Amino acid sequence: MRQCTNKRVRGFSRLELATAIALIGIASAILLNKVFYYQEMTEKAVMEYTVISLKSSLRMRMASMMIEGRVQDFGLLAQDNPMHWLEKMPPNYQGELPALAPDRTRPGNWYFDTVSRTLVYQVRHGDHFREDASGQKRIRLQVRLVQNAAETQQSKDAKPLLANVVLVLLEPYRWF
């Protein structure tokens, strides 16, 4: 800053002011870019946490059914909406919707497609998300009953088929 001969302070020159504004603008742009990046990372983490919670809830349901001797009812889980397994629904769950109602859903939310029996998450902050085969930014999951053929011997003691229920990702996704 410059000083006059009579010891009075004049303040910023126009060049100093322009430089300060430019530096503040650059710092703000960098900060804003980082905020968006971490916002997207947070969305991904929350989505993955929900999937982990769903898989854990599925295992708990299966264990409960095994204890009750209802292994034959595993097929019922494959027809169920996975969100019903959670103790508390996520705040961004929009409910059960038919397949032809994508206009009723908002990005950043889950919904259960009642026609295809799939759980769908629509990505909100997807700058680093690669679109699926249909060109949409979404993640689709489905509950499936998997039959595992047990090894059988050539005797009359053939073991029955064992069943397992899994929550599978319908299409691999790439996010970051």
Protein backbone atom coordinates (compact mmCIF):
# COMPACT_ATOMS: atom_id res chain seq x y z
CA MET A 1 0.00 0.00 0.00
CA ARG A 2 1.18 3.52 -0.72
CA GLN A 3 1.39 6.35 1.68
CA CYS A 4 1.18 10.06 0.98
CA THR A 5 3.74 12.46 2.31
CA ASN A 6 1.28 13.75 4.84
CA LYS A 7 1.05 10.22 6.42
CA ARG A 8 -2.42 9.54 5.08
CA VAL A 9 -3.25 6.01 3.85
CA ARG A 10 -4.87 5.98 0.43
CA GLY A 11 -6.03 2.30 0.35
CA PHE A 12 -5.75 -0.23 -2.44
CA SER A 13 -4.75 0.77 -5.91
CA ARG A 14 -6.88 -0.54 -8.74
CA LEU A 15 -4.21 -3.07 -9.67
CA GLU A 16 -3.99 -4.37 -6.10
CA LEU A 17 -7.78 -4.60 -5.88
CA ALA A 18 -8.04 -6.45 -9.21
CA THR A 19 -5.30 -8.87 -8.12
CA ALA A 20 -7.02 -9.56 -4.80
CA ILE A 21 -10.37 -10.14 -6.51
CA ALA A 22 -8.76 -12.47 -9.07
CA LEU A 23 -7.04 -14.50 -6.33
CA ILE A 24 -10.25 -14.76 -4.33
CA GLY A 25 -12.12 -15.85 -7.48
CA ILE A 26 -9.54 -18.54 -8.31
CA ALA A 27 -9.53 -19.83 -4.73
CA SER A 28 -13.35 -19.88 -4.71
CA ALA A 29 -13.47 -21.82 -7.99
CA ILE A 30 -11.02 -24.42 -6.67
CA LEU A 31 -12.95 -24.71 -3.41
CA LEU A 32 -16.28 -25.05 -5.22
CA ASN A 33 -14.85 -27.76 -7.48
CA LYS A 34 -13.68 -29.70 -4.41
CA VAL A 35 -17.08 -29.26 -2.74
CA PHE A 36 -18.82 -30.80 -5.79
CA TYR A 37 -16.27 -33.63 -5.88
CA TYR A 38 -16.81 -34.49 -2.21
CA GLN A 39 -20.56 -34.13 -2.61
CA GLU A 40 -20.44 -36.79 -5.32
CA MET A 41 -18.15 -39.00 -3.21
CA THR A 42 -20.62 -38.70 -0.32
CA GLU A 43 -23.53 -39.68 -2.56
CA LYS A 44 -21.62 -42.76 -3.73
CA ALA A 45 -20.74 -43.73 -0.15
CA VAL A 46 -24.35 -43.38 1.04
CA MET A 47 -25.61 -45.44 -1.92
CA GLU A 48 -23.04 -48.19 -1.24
CA TYR A 49 -23.86 -48.14 2.47
CA THR A 50 -27.53 -48.69 1.62
CA VAL A 51 -26.62 -51.67 -0.59
CA ILE A 52 -24.48 -53.15 2.20
CA SER A 53 -27.38 -52.68 4.64
CA LEU A 54 -29.74 -54.43 2.22
CA LYS A 55 -27.36 -57.38 1.81
CA SER A 56 -26.93 -57.64 5.57
CA SER A 57 -30.70 -57.53 6.09
CA LEU A 58 -31.12 -60.28 3.48
CA ARG A 59 -28.63 -62.48 5.33
CA MET A 60 -30.48 -61.87 8.60
CA ARG A 61 -33.81 -62.81 6.99
CA MET A 62 -32.29 -65.97 5.54
CA ALA A 63 -30.75 -66.92 8.90
CA SER A 64 -34.08 -66.36 10.62
CA MET A 65 -35.84 -68.56 8.07
CA MET A 66 -33.20 -71.28 8.48
CA ILE A 67 -33.63 -71.27 12.25
CA GLU A 68 -37.39 -71.59 11.79
CA GLY A 69 -36.88 -74.46 9.32
CA ARG A 70 -38.33 -72.51 6.40
CA VAL A 71 -35.50 -72.84 3.87
CA GLN A 72 -38.08 -73.86 1.27
CA ASP A 73 -39.53 -70.32 1.56
CA PHE A 74 -36.35 -68.62 0.31
CA GLY A 75 -38.10 -68.12 -3.02
CA LEU A 76 -40.48 -65.68 -1.34
CA LEU A 77 -37.53 -63.38 -0.62
CA ALA A 78 -36.75 -63.23 -4.34
CA GLN A 79 -40.19 -61.72 -4.95
CA ASP A 80 -39.96 -59.19 -2.13
CA ASN A 81 -38.99 -55.52 -2.27
CA PRO A 82 -35.55 -55.37 -0.57
CA MET A 83 -36.38 -52.05 1.09
CA HIS A 84 -38.98 -53.87 3.20
CA TRP A 85 -36.14 -55.76 4.90
CA LEU A 86 -34.68 -52.63 6.44
CA GLU A 87 -35.67 -51.57 9.91
CA LYS A 88 -35.99 -47.98 8.70
CA MET A 89 -36.49 -46.89 5.09
CA PRO A 90 -33.88 -44.48 3.73
CA PRO A 91 -35.19 -40.91 3.47
CA ASN A 92 -34.48 -40.92 -0.27
CA TYR A 93 -36.68 -43.97 -1.00
CA GLN A 94 -39.64 -42.99 -3.21
CA GLY A 95 -41.57 -46.25 -2.97
CA GLU A 96 -42.83 -48.81 -5.46
CA LEU A 97 -43.42 -47.49 -8.96
CA PRO A 98 -44.25 -49.09 -12.30
CA ALA A 99 -41.51 -49.22 -14.92
CA LEU A 100 -43.16 -46.59 -17.09
CA ALA A 101 -43.00 -43.87 -14.45
CA PRO A 102 -39.40 -42.57 -14.60
CA ASP A 103 -40.72 -39.01 -14.77
CA ARG A 104 -42.10 -39.45 -11.24
CA THR A 105 -38.66 -40.15 -9.80
CA ARG A 106 -35.97 -37.65 -8.89
CA PRO A 107 -32.20 -38.09 -9.12
CA GLY A 108 -30.56 -39.09 -5.86
CA ASN A 109 -33.43 -41.38 -4.91
CA TRP A 110 -34.25 -45.08 -4.76
CA TYR A 111 -37.41 -46.68 -6.10
CA PHE A 112 -38.62 -50.25 -6.62
CA ASP A 113 -39.72 -51.09 -10.16
CA THR A 114 -42.79 -53.28 -9.66
CA VAL A 115 -42.78 -54.63 -13.22
CA SER A 116 -39.17 -55.85 -13.46
CA ARG A 117 -38.85 -56.39 -9.67
CA THR A 118 -35.68 -54.29 -9.56
CA LEU A 119 -34.44 -51.77 -7.05
CA VAL A 120 -33.18 -48.66 -8.84
CA TYR A 121 -30.98 -45.82 -7.63
CA GLN A 122 -30.85 -42.72 -9.82
CA VAL A 123 -27.57 -40.85 -9.52
CA ARG A 124 -27.83 -37.13 -8.76
CA HIS A 125 -24.21 -35.97 -8.81
CA GLY A 126 -22.78 -38.10 -11.58
CA ASP A 127 -19.93 -36.14 -13.13
CA HIS A 128 -17.69 -39.18 -12.59
CA PHE A 129 -20.38 -41.83 -13.21
CA ARG A 130 -20.40 -43.81 -16.44
CA GLU A 131 -23.91 -44.23 -17.88
CA ASP A 132 -25.46 -47.68 -18.26
CA ALA A 133 -26.30 -49.39 -21.57
CA SER A 134 -29.51 -47.39 -21.93
CA GLY A 135 -27.70 -44.07 -21.41
CA GLN A 136 -29.04 -43.44 -17.92
CA LYS A 137 -27.18 -42.66 -14.74
CA ARG A 138 -28.65 -45.34 -12.51
CA ILE A 139 -27.78 -48.46 -10.56
CA ARG A 140 -30.13 -51.44 -10.69
CA LEU A 141 -30.26 -54.34 -8.24
CA GLN A 142 -32.39 -57.45 -8.18
CA VAL A 143 -33.02 -60.24 -5.69
CA ARG A 144 -32.41 -63.67 -7.19
CA LEU A 145 -32.87 -67.22 -6.00
CA VAL A 146 -29.80 -69.30 -6.83
CA GLN A 147 -30.03 -73.09 -6.84
CA ASN A 148 -26.78 -74.85 -5.96
CA ALA A 149 -26.64 -78.46 -7.05
CA ALA A 150 -25.07 -80.47 -4.25
CA GLU A 151 -22.68 -83.22 -5.19
CA THR A 152 -24.52 -86.48 -5.38
CA GLN A 153 -23.07 -89.90 -5.14
CA GLN A 154 -24.27 -92.81 -7.18
CA SER A 155 -26.12 -94.14 -4.19
CA LYS A 156 -29.67 -93.71 -3.02
CA ASP A 157 -28.50 -90.94 -0.63
CA ALA A 158 -28.85 -88.11 -3.15
CA LYS A 159 -28.71 -84.73 -1.44
CA PRO A 160 -31.42 -82.18 -2.26
CA LEU A 161 -30.74 -78.92 -4.06
CA LEU A 162 -29.65 -76.10 -1.78
CA ALA A 163 -31.00 -72.61 -2.36
CA ASN A 164 -29.42 -69.23 -1.78
CA VAL A 165 -30.87 -65.77 -2.22
CA VAL A 166 -28.60 -62.96 -3.38
CA LEU A 167 -28.94 -59.28 -4.17
CA VAL A 168 -27.19 -58.84 -7.50
CA LEU A 169 -26.10 -55.84 -9.51
CA LEU A 170 -27.76 -56.08 -12.94
CA GLU A 171 -25.13 -54.02 -14.75
CA PRO A 172 -21.67 -53.18 -13.50
CA TYR A 173 -21.17 -49.48 -12.92
CA ARG A 174 -18.15 -47.25 -12.80
CA TRP A 175 -18.19 -44.31 -10.45
CA PHE A 176 -14.81 -42.59 -10.15
